[in-house]
Amino acid sequence: MTRIACAQIDPTIGALADNVELSTGAVADAVAQGADVVVLPELATSGYMFADADEARSVALRPTDPAFDAWRSAAGDAVVIGGFCELGDDGLLYNSAVALDRDGVIATYRKTHLWDREKLIFSRGAELPAVLKTRHGAIAVMVCYDLEFGEVTRQVAVDGAELIAAPVNWPLFPRPEGERPGEVITAMSTARLNRVVVAVCDRAGVERGQPWTQGSVIVDPDGWVVAEAGPGPGLAIADVDLSATHDKTLTEYVDLLSDRRLDLY
């Protein structure tokens, strides 16, 4: 079994040092509870509601920045995945996520599908998520709006992902009483359609008037939520069997991958 934790925290816009301290504490808390994989929110080091690109640039990091040493020092034996505002070597800004462990950075992913006003600040990533072979399984990292595109989630499943880990900042949208957030339903559907585990880490609080959904969830390969953080800062934590994702069959005659009609699409 693999223990996954989503650390739903409340970063402060522009407060880089405070956010690194806050997120590092959340990683340490999750590791103390036995987490093998820890997921942090989108733009965890910077906050989200930037006024403009100049403000974003003031808190942008490179994947090699010493700020990430704090996450590494708290990681123990875990893999940590968290969002940050990246300054690329090309001088452009990216909404990115880093995957690292105590030995260093495993990979950096740049969000390929930008949401709303993000398009005014960030450049789109040019590469789809890779499937990372880590000590705790085959992990595909994507960021928030990427989850809405089945072309992306299906591809990583075909490529052997056992876990999709997604830092997100989900703006709160109205929904009928008693219903789950639409984004959580998408995560559940993604897991069920591909028989993968999905771990989504949202954020808490209100930032510059924007309330967040606070919808962090861990979804098993059958598409059911097995842990959620609930309102406010906190952990969603669950033990999942990643090996169960290797079997894509639902019945004797149903296989989610081999039943695809690649001759038609």
C-alpha atoms as a PDB file:
ATOM      1  CA  MET A   1       0.000   0.000   0.000  1.00  0.00           C
ATOM      2  CA  THR A   2       1.061   3.570  -0.695  1.00  0.00           C
ATOM      3  CA  ARG A   3       0.039   6.347   1.682  1.00  0.00           C
ATOM      4  CA  ILE A   4      -0.884   9.546  -0.157  1.00  0.00           C
ATOM      5  CA  ALA A   5      -1.476  12.904   1.501  1.00  0.00           C
ATOM      6  CA  CYS A   6      -2.891  16.101   0.015  1.00  0.00           C
ATOM      7  CA  ALA A   7      -1.924  19.084   2.185  1.00  0.00           C
ATOM      8  CA  GLN A   8      -4.654  21.701   1.764  1.00  0.00           C
ATOM      9  CA  ILE A   9      -3.004  24.908   2.969  1.00  0.00           C
ATOM     10  CA  ASP A  10      -3.774  28.633   2.715  1.00  0.00           C
ATOM     11  CA  PRO A  11      -0.838  30.465   1.093  1.00  0.00           C
ATOM     12  CA  THR A  12      -0.572  34.247   1.190  1.00  0.00           C
ATOM     13  CA  ILE A  13      -0.212  36.111  -2.091  1.00  0.00           C
ATOM     14  CA  GLY A  14       3.337  37.345  -2.555  1.00  0.00           C
ATOM     15  CA  ALA A  15       4.657  36.028   0.779  1.00  0.00           C
ATOM     16  CA  LEU A  16       7.309  33.684  -0.574  1.00  0.00           C
ATOM     17  CA  ALA A  17       9.211  32.978   2.645  1.00  0.00           C
ATOM     18  CA  ASP A  18       6.043  32.521   4.707  1.00  0.00           C
ATOM     19  CA  ASN A  19       4.548  30.205   2.093  1.00  0.00           C
ATOM     20  CA  VAL A  20       7.680  28.062   1.949  1.00  0.00           C
ATOM     21  CA  GLU A  21       7.584  27.762   5.730  1.00  0.00           C
ATOM     22  CA  LEU A  22       3.866  26.925   5.723  1.00  0.00           C
ATOM     23  CA  SER A  23       4.137  24.318   2.974  1.00  0.00           C
ATOM     24  CA  THR A  24       7.239  22.756   4.508  1.00  0.00           C
ATOM     25  CA  GLY A  25       5.389  22.346   7.788  1.00  0.00           C
ATOM     26  CA  ALA A  26       2.543  20.649   5.938  1.00  0.00           C
ATOM     27  CA  VAL A  27       4.990  18.264   4.268  1.00  0.00           C
ATOM     28  CA  ALA A  28       6.577  17.459   7.628  1.00  0.00           C
ATOM     29  CA  ASP A  29       3.144  16.812   9.154  1.00  0.00           C
ATOM     30  CA  ALA A  30       2.173  14.465   6.333  1.00  0.00           C
ATOM     31  CA  VAL A  31       5.479  12.593   6.508  1.00  0.00           C
ATOM     32  CA  ALA A  32       5.075  12.242  10.282  1.00  0.00           C
ATOM     33  CA  GLN A  33       1.778  10.493   9.529  1.00  0.00           C
ATOM     34  CA  GLY A  34       3.533   8.054   7.226  1.00  0.00           C
ATOM     35  CA  ALA A  35       2.882   9.643   3.843  1.00  0.00           C
ATOM     36  CA  ASP A  36       4.824   8.217   0.905  1.00  0.00           C
ATOM     37  CA  VAL A  37       3.564  10.877  -1.533  1.00  0.00           C
ATOM     38  CA  VAL A  38       2.687  14.425  -0.484  1.00  0.00           C
ATOM     39  CA  VAL A  39       0.820  16.771  -2.828  1.00  0.00           C
ATOM     40  CA  LEU A  40       0.675  20.544  -2.248  1.00  0.00           C
ATOM     41  CA  PRO A  41      -1.599  23.076  -3.994  1.00  0.00           C
ATOM     42  CA  GLU A  42      -1.054  24.946  -7.230  1.00  0.00           C
ATOM     43  CA  LEU A  43       1.225  27.996  -6.822  1.00  0.00           C
ATOM     44  CA  ALA A  44       1.804  26.977  -3.201  1.00  0.00           C
ATOM     45  CA  THR A  45       4.907  29.138  -2.859  1.00  0.00           C
ATOM     46  CA  SER A  46       3.403  32.350  -4.223  1.00  0.00           C
ATOM     47  CA  GLY A  47      -0.369  32.509  -4.035  1.00  0.00           C
ATOM     48  CA  TYR A  48      -2.563  32.702  -7.113  1.00  0.00           C
ATOM     49  CA  MET A  49      -4.435  35.998  -7.587  1.00  0.00           C
ATOM     50  CA  PHE A  50      -1.637  38.027  -9.144  1.00  0.00           C
ATOM     51  CA  ALA A  51      -2.461  41.556 -10.219  1.00  0.00           C
ATOM     52  CA  ASP A  52      -0.137  41.282 -13.197  1.00  0.00           C
ATOM     53  CA  ALA A  53       2.948  39.573 -14.569  1.00  0.00           C
ATOM     54  CA  ASP A  54       5.290  41.887 -12.683  1.00  0.00           C
ATOM     55  CA  GLU A  55       3.851  40.783  -9.361  1.00  0.00           C
ATOM     56  CA  ALA A  56       4.172  37.149 -10.403  1.00  0.00           C
ATOM     57  CA  ARG A  57       7.738  37.703 -11.502  1.00  0.00           C
ATOM     58  CA  SER A  58       8.624  39.104  -8.065  1.00  0.00           C
ATOM     59  CA  VAL A  59       7.977  35.681  -6.465  1.00  0.00           C
ATOM     60  CA  ALA A  60       9.023  33.430  -9.356  1.00  0.00           C
ATOM     61  CA  LEU A  61      11.486  30.604  -8.691  1.00  0.00           C
ATOM     62  CA  ARG A  62      13.609  28.265 -10.723  1.00  0.00           C
ATOM     63  CA  PRO A  63      13.418  24.524  -9.954  1.00  0.00           C
ATOM     64  CA  THR A  64      16.976  24.745  -8.597  1.00  0.00           C
ATOM     65  CA  ASP A  65      16.097  27.528  -6.142  1.00  0.00           C
ATOM     66  CA  PRO A  66      17.298  26.921  -2.554  1.00  0.00           C
ATOM     67  CA  ALA A  67      13.701  27.475  -1.400  1.00  0.00           C
ATOM     68  CA  PHE A  68      12.960  23.892  -2.437  1.00  0.00           C
ATOM     69  CA  ASP A  69      15.672  22.600  -0.109  1.00  0.00           C
ATOM     70  CA  ALA A  70      13.142  23.073   2.679  1.00  0.00           C
ATOM     71  CA  TRP A  71      10.714  20.662   1.005  1.00  0.00           C
ATOM     72  CA  ARG A  72      13.543  18.203   0.414  1.00  0.00           C
ATOM     73  CA  SER A  73      14.645  18.366   4.037  1.00  0.00           C
ATOM     74  CA  ALA A  74      11.101  17.609   5.211  1.00  0.00           C
ATOM     75  CA  ALA A  75      10.463  14.871   2.635  1.00  0.00           C
ATOM     76  CA  GLY A  76      12.074  11.965   4.454  1.00  0.00           C
ATOM     77  CA  ASP A  77      11.403   8.960   2.236  1.00  0.00           C
ATOM     78  CA  ALA A  78       8.430  10.638   0.536  1.00  0.00           C
ATOM     79  CA  VAL A  79       7.968  12.147  -2.905  1.00  0.00           C
ATOM     80  CA  VAL A  80       6.720  15.751  -2.708  1.00  0.00           C
ATOM     81  CA  ILE A  81       4.758  17.418  -5.518  1.00  0.00           C
ATOM     82  CA  GLY A  82       3.877  21.088  -5.311  1.00  0.00           C
ATOM     83  CA  GLY A  83       3.018  24.067  -7.444  1.00  0.00           C
ATOM     84  CA  PHE A  84       5.139  27.170  -7.917  1.00  0.00           C
ATOM     85  CA  CYS A  85       5.520  30.190 -10.156  1.00  0.00           C
ATOM     86  CA  GLU A  86       8.462  29.340 -12.403  1.00  0.00           C
ATOM     87  CA  LEU A  87      10.861  31.710 -14.092  1.00  0.00           C
ATOM     88  CA  GLY A  88      12.123  29.850 -17.121  1.00  0.00           C
ATOM     89  CA  ASP A  89      15.585  30.123 -18.606  1.00  0.00           C
ATOM     90  CA  ASP A  90      13.802  31.767 -21.540  1.00  0.00           C
ATOM     91  CA  GLY A  91      12.663  34.600 -19.261  1.00  0.00           C
ATOM     92  CA  LEU A  92       9.007  33.542 -19.453  1.00  0.00           C
ATOM     93  CA  LEU A  93       6.740  32.729 -16.509  1.00  0.00           C
ATOM     94  CA  TYR A  94       5.145  29.303 -16.140  1.00  0.00           C
ATOM     95  CA  ASN A  95       2.535  27.888 -13.784  1.00  0.00           C
ATOM     96  CA  SER A  96       4.551  24.834 -12.818  1.00  0.00           C
ATOM     97  CA  ALA A  97       4.780  21.905 -10.444  1.00  0.00           C
ATOM     98  CA  VAL A  98       7.927  20.284  -9.151  1.00  0.00           C
ATOM     99  CA  ALA A  99       8.306  16.669  -8.066  1.00  0.00           C
ATOM    100  CA  LEU A 100      11.186  16.053  -5.696  1.00  0.00           C
ATOM    101  CA  ASP A 101      12.493  13.847  -2.945  1.00  0.00           C
ATOM    102  CA  ARG A 102      15.304  14.109  -0.428  1.00  0.00           C
ATOM    103  CA  ASP A 103      17.834  13.508  -3.218  1.00  0.00           C
ATOM    104  CA  GLY A 104      16.691  16.439  -5.362  1.00  0.00           C
ATOM    105  CA  VAL A 105      14.308  17.410  -8.155  1.00  0.00           C
ATOM    106  CA  ILE A 106      12.827  14.465 -10.058  1.00  0.00           C
ATOM    107  CA  ALA A 107      11.014  16.523 -12.685  1.00  0.00           C
ATOM    108  CA  THR A 108       9.342  19.855 -13.390  1.00  0.00           C
ATOM    109  CA  TYR A 109       6.054  20.117 -15.248  1.00  0.00           C
ATOM    110  CA  ARG A 110       4.676  23.304 -16.825  1.00  0.00           C
ATOM    111  CA  LYS A 111       0.898  23.625 -16.995  1.00  0.00           C
ATOM    112  CA  THR A 112      -0.202  23.132 -20.586  1.00  0.00           C
ATOM    113  CA  HIS A 113      -3.802  24.386 -20.278  1.00  0.00           C
ATOM    114  CA  LEU A 114      -4.064  27.872 -18.784  1.00  0.00           C
ATOM    115  CA  TRP A 115      -7.256  28.927 -17.032  1.00  0.00           C
ATOM    116  CA  ASP A 116      -8.863  32.318 -17.536  1.00  0.00           C
ATOM    117  CA  ARG A 117      -6.566  35.263 -16.579  1.00  0.00           C
ATOM    118  CA  GLU A 118      -3.582  32.933 -16.222  1.00  0.00           C
ATOM    119  CA  LYS A 119      -3.224  33.507 -19.969  1.00  0.00           C
ATOM    120  CA  LEU A 120      -2.301  37.131 -19.246  1.00  0.00           C
ATOM    121  CA  ILE A 121       0.593  36.130 -16.981  1.00  0.00           C
ATOM    122  CA  PHE A 122       1.926  32.697 -17.856  1.00  0.00           C
ATOM    123  CA  SER A 123       3.124  30.943 -20.975  1.00  0.00           C
ATOM    124  CA  ARG A 124       1.748  27.513 -21.797  1.00  0.00           C
ATOM    125  CA  GLY A 125       3.944  24.515 -21.193  1.00  0.00           C
ATOM    126  CA  ALA A 126       5.090  22.820 -24.380  1.00  0.00           C
ATOM    127  CA  GLU A 127       5.269  19.216 -23.152  1.00  0.00           C
ATOM    128  CA  LEU A 128       2.625  16.818 -21.888  1.00  0.00           C
ATOM    129  CA  PRO A 129       3.113  15.229 -18.455  1.00  0.00           C
ATOM    130  CA  ALA A 130       5.692  12.483 -18.256  1.00  0.00           C
ATOM    131  CA  VAL A 131       5.131   9.338 -16.213  1.00  0.00           C
ATOM    132  CA  LEU A 132       7.754   9.509 -13.477  1.00  0.00           C
ATOM    133  CA  LYS A 133       9.168   6.263 -12.159  1.00  0.00           C
ATOM    134  CA  THR A 134       9.608   7.039  -8.456  1.00  0.00           C
ATOM    135  CA  ARG A 135      10.318   4.967  -5.378  1.00  0.00           C
ATOM    136  CA  HIS A 136       6.601   5.163  -4.630  1.00  0.00           C
ATOM    137  CA  GLY A 137       5.154   4.301  -8.000  1.00  0.00           C
ATOM    138  CA  ALA A 138       4.592   5.650 -11.489  1.00  0.00           C
ATOM    139  CA  ILE A 139       3.336   9.219 -11.075  1.00  0.00           C
ATOM    140  CA  ALA A 140       2.049  11.690 -13.665  1.00  0.00           C
ATOM    141  CA  VAL A 141       2.002  15.310 -12.524  1.00  0.00           C
ATOM    142  CA  MET A 142      -0.427  17.812 -13.975  1.00  0.00           C
ATOM    143  CA  VAL A 143      -1.862  21.128 -12.796  1.00  0.00           C
ATOM    144  CA  CYS A 144      -5.513  22.030 -12.204  1.00  0.00           C
ATOM    145  CA  TYR A 145      -7.254  22.768 -15.553  1.00  0.00           C
ATOM    146  CA  ASP A 146      -5.168  20.042 -17.242  1.00  0.00           C
ATOM    147  CA  LEU A 147      -7.456  17.502 -15.540  1.00  0.00           C
ATOM    148  CA  GLU A 148     -10.376  18.720 -17.647  1.00  0.00           C
ATOM    149  CA  PHE A 149      -8.763  17.388 -20.820  1.00  0.00           C
ATOM    150  CA  GLY A 150      -9.278  13.673 -21.341  1.00  0.00           C
ATOM    151  CA  GLU A 151      -6.628  13.736 -24.039  1.00  0.00           C
ATOM    152  CA  VAL A 152      -4.050  14.360 -21.304  1.00  0.00           C
ATOM    153  CA  THR A 153      -5.321  12.051 -18.588  1.00  0.00           C
ATOM    154  CA  ARG A 154      -5.923   9.144 -20.965  1.00  0.00           C
ATOM    155  CA  GLN A 155      -2.428   9.464 -22.430  1.00  0.00           C
ATOM    156  CA  VAL A 156      -0.687   9.142 -19.064  1.00  0.00           C
ATOM    157  CA  ALA A 157      -2.849   6.120 -18.255  1.00  0.00           C
ATOM    158  CA  VAL A 158      -1.802   4.499 -21.539  1.00  0.00           C
ATOM    159  CA  ASP A 159       1.801   5.362 -20.656  1.00  0.00           C
ATOM    160  CA  GLY A 160       1.553   3.437 -17.399  1.00  0.00           C
ATOM    161  CA  ALA A 161       0.705   6.025 -14.749  1.00  0.00           C
ATOM    162  CA  GLU A 162      -0.527   4.525 -11.500  1.00  0.00           C
ATOM    163  CA  LEU A 163      -1.165   7.892  -9.853  1.00  0.00           C
ATOM    164  CA  ILE A 164      -2.153  11.268 -11.258  1.00  0.00           C
ATOM    165  CA  ALA A 165      -1.061  13.942  -8.779  1.00  0.00           C
ATOM    166  CA  ALA A 166      -2.495  17.391  -9.412  1.00  0.00           C
ATOM    167  CA  PRO A 167      -1.843  20.604  -7.498  1.00  0.00           C
ATOM    168  CA  VAL A 168      -4.916  22.807  -8.064  1.00  0.00           C
ATOM    169  CA  ASN A 169      -6.514  26.112  -7.085  1.00  0.00           C
ATOM    170  CA  TRP A 170     -10.218  25.584  -7.736  1.00  0.00           C
ATOM    171  CA  PRO A 171     -12.287  28.812  -7.653  1.00  0.00           C
ATOM    172  CA  LEU A 172     -15.557  28.229  -5.829  1.00  0.00           C
ATOM    173  CA  PHE A 173     -18.519  27.892  -8.198  1.00  0.00           C
ATOM    174  CA  PRO A 174     -22.188  27.534  -7.220  1.00  0.00           C
ATOM    175  CA  ARG A 175     -23.590  23.999  -7.164  1.00  0.00           C
ATOM    176  CA  PRO A 176     -26.836  22.337  -6.121  1.00  0.00           C
ATOM    177  CA  GLU A 177     -27.244  21.525  -2.457  1.00  0.00           C
ATOM    178  CA  GLY A 178     -25.633  18.218  -1.564  1.00  0.00           C
ATOM    179  CA  GLU A 179     -23.635  17.877  -4.771  1.00  0.00           C
ATOM    180  CA  ARG A 180     -19.874  17.467  -4.935  1.00  0.00           C
ATOM    181  CA  PRO A 181     -17.891  20.171  -6.753  1.00  0.00           C
ATOM    182  CA  GLY A 182     -17.836  19.589 -10.488  1.00  0.00           C
ATOM    183  CA  GLU A 183     -14.046  19.407 -10.406  1.00  0.00           C
ATOM    184  CA  VAL A 184     -14.202  16.544  -7.903  1.00  0.00           C
ATOM    185  CA  ILE A 185     -16.653  14.734 -10.171  1.00  0.00           C
ATOM    186  CA  THR A 186     -14.139  15.144 -13.002  1.00  0.00           C
ATOM    187  CA  ALA A 187     -11.408  13.645 -10.809  1.00  0.00           C
ATOM    188  CA  MET A 188     -13.676  10.712  -9.944  1.00  0.00           C
ATOM    189  CA  SER A 189     -14.544  10.143 -13.586  1.00  0.00           C
ATOM    190  CA  THR A 190     -10.871  10.355 -14.588  1.00  0.00           C
ATOM    191  CA  ALA A 191      -9.961   7.693 -12.058  1.00  0.00           C
ATOM    192  CA  ARG A 192     -12.833   5.396 -13.051  1.00  0.00           C
ATOM    193  CA  LEU A 193     -12.388   5.713 -16.821  1.00  0.00           C
ATOM    194  CA  ASN A 194      -8.671   4.994 -16.640  1.00  0.00           C
ATOM    195  CA  ARG A 195      -8.429   2.846 -13.489  1.00  0.00           C
ATOM    196  CA  VAL A 196      -5.796   5.104 -11.953  1.00  0.00           C
ATOM    197  CA  VAL A 197      -5.514   6.766  -8.563  1.00  0.00           C
ATOM    198  CA  VAL A 198      -6.080  10.523  -8.623  1.00  0.00           C
ATOM    199  CA  ALA A 199      -4.814  12.814  -5.842  1.00  0.00           C
ATOM    200  CA  VAL A 200      -5.895  16.437  -6.146  1.00  0.00           C
ATOM    201  CA  CYS A 201      -4.659  19.074  -3.702  1.00  0.00           C
ATOM    202  CA  ASP A 202      -6.741  22.241  -3.571  1.00  0.00           C
ATOM    203  CA  ARG A 203      -6.114  25.237  -1.325  1.00  0.00           C
ATOM    204  CA  ALA A 204      -8.045  26.815   1.539  1.00  0.00           C
ATOM    205  CA  GLY A 205      -9.042  30.367   2.362  1.00  0.00           C
ATOM    206  CA  VAL A 206     -10.044  33.449   0.400  1.00  0.00           C
ATOM    207  CA  GLU A 207      -7.484  35.395  -1.638  1.00  0.00           C
ATOM    208  CA  ARG A 208      -8.187  38.923  -2.893  1.00  0.00           C
ATOM    209  CA  GLY A 209     -11.894  38.219  -2.745  1.00  0.00           C
ATOM    210  CA  GLN A 210     -11.665  34.826  -4.439  1.00  0.00           C
ATOM    211  CA  PRO A 211     -12.983  31.942  -2.318  1.00  0.00           C
ATOM    212  CA  TRP A 212     -11.611  28.488  -3.062  1.00  0.00           C
ATOM    213  CA  THR A 213     -13.505  25.214  -3.310  1.00  0.00           C
ATOM    214  CA  GLN A 214     -11.300  23.511  -0.671  1.00  0.00           C
ATOM    215  CA  GLY A 215     -11.920  20.296  -2.558  1.00  0.00           C
ATOM    216  CA  SER A 216      -8.771  18.206  -1.966  1.00  0.00           C
ATOM    217  CA  VAL A 217      -9.549  14.538  -2.588  1.00  0.00           C
ATOM    218  CA  ILE A 218      -7.909  11.179  -3.125  1.00  0.00           C
ATOM    219  CA  VAL A 219      -9.812   8.919  -5.519  1.00  0.00           C
ATOM    220  CA  ASP A 220      -9.268   5.170  -5.882  1.00  0.00           C
ATOM    221  CA  PRO A 221      -9.100   3.324  -9.235  1.00  0.00           C
ATOM    222  CA  ASP A 222     -12.811   2.526  -9.050  1.00  0.00           C
ATOM    223  CA  GLY A 223     -13.588   6.240  -9.015  1.00  0.00           C
ATOM    224  CA  TRP A 224     -14.593   6.588  -5.369  1.00  0.00           C
ATOM    225  CA  VAL A 225     -13.348   9.274  -3.012  1.00  0.00           C
ATOM    226  CA  VAL A 226     -11.395   7.573  -0.233  1.00  0.00           C
ATOM    227  CA  ALA A 227     -10.197  10.732   1.539  1.00  0.00           C
ATOM    228  CA  GLU A 228     -10.981  14.438   1.505  1.00  0.00           C
ATOM    229  CA  ALA A 229      -9.628  17.403   3.417  1.00  0.00           C
ATOM    230  CA  GLY A 230     -12.922  19.194   3.977  1.00  0.00           C
ATOM    231  CA  PRO A 231     -13.189  22.935   4.640  1.00  0.00           C
ATOM    232  CA  GLY A 232     -10.175  24.850   5.919  1.00  0.00           C
ATOM    233  CA  PRO A 233      -6.531  23.834   6.083  1.00  0.00           C
ATOM    234  CA  GLY A 234      -5.939  20.136   6.634  1.00  0.00           C
ATOM    235  CA  LEU A 235      -4.821  16.810   5.219  1.00  0.00           C
ATOM    236  CA  ALA A 236      -6.596  14.332   2.996  1.00  0.00           C
ATOM    237  CA  ILE A 237      -4.706  11.084   3.588  1.00  0.00           C
ATOM    238  CA  ALA A 238      -5.353   7.541   2.434  1.00  0.00           C
ATOM    239  CA  ASP A 239      -3.649   4.208   1.806  1.00  0.00           C
ATOM    240  CA  VAL A 240      -4.127   3.017  -1.765  1.00  0.00           C
ATOM    241  CA  ASP A 241      -3.007  -0.043  -3.700  1.00  0.00           C
ATOM    242  CA  LEU A 242      -1.301   1.348  -6.782  1.00  0.00           C
ATOM    243  CA  SER A 243      -0.844  -2.140  -8.196  1.00  0.00           C
ATOM    244  CA  ALA A 244      -4.629  -2.319  -8.639  1.00  0.00           C
ATOM    245  CA  THR A 245      -4.251   0.201 -11.467  1.00  0.00           C
ATOM    246  CA  HIS A 246      -2.440  -2.371 -13.595  1.00  0.00           C
ATOM    247  CA  ASP A 247      -5.680  -4.265 -14.241  1.00  0.00           C
ATOM    248  CA  LYS A 248      -7.818  -2.276 -16.676  1.00  0.00           C
ATOM    249  CA  THR A 249     -10.611  -4.840 -16.834  1.00  0.00           C
ATOM    250  CA  LEU A 250     -14.051  -4.319 -15.321  1.00  0.00           C
ATOM    251  CA  THR A 251     -15.519  -7.665 -16.347  1.00  0.00           C
ATOM    252  CA  GLU A 252     -14.346 -10.709 -18.259  1.00  0.00           C
ATOM    253  CA  TYR A 253     -15.113  -8.919 -21.523  1.00  0.00           C
ATOM    254  CA  VAL A 254     -14.471  -5.266 -20.621  1.00  0.00           C
ATOM    255  CA  ASP A 255     -10.981  -3.772 -20.805  1.00  0.00           C
ATOM    256  CA  LEU A 256     -10.823   0.008 -20.660  1.00  0.00           C
ATOM    257  CA  LEU A 257      -7.724   0.286 -22.817  1.00  0.00           C
ATOM    258  CA  SER A 258      -7.973  -2.589 -25.275  1.00  0.00           C
ATOM    259  CA  ASP A 259     -11.629  -1.732 -25.994  1.00  0.00           C
ATOM    260  CA  ARG A 260     -10.589   1.590 -27.492  1.00  0.00           C
ATOM    261  CA  ARG A 261     -11.321   1.916 -31.226  1.00  0.00           C
ATOM    262  CA  LEU A 262      -7.978   3.248 -32.373  1.00  0.00           C
ATOM    263  CA  ASP A 263      -9.025   2.381 -35.923  1.00  0.00           C
ATOM    264  CA  LEU A 264     -11.692   5.081 -35.610  1.00  0.00           C
ATOM    265  CA  TYR A 265     -10.045   7.748 -33.463  1.00  0.00           C
END
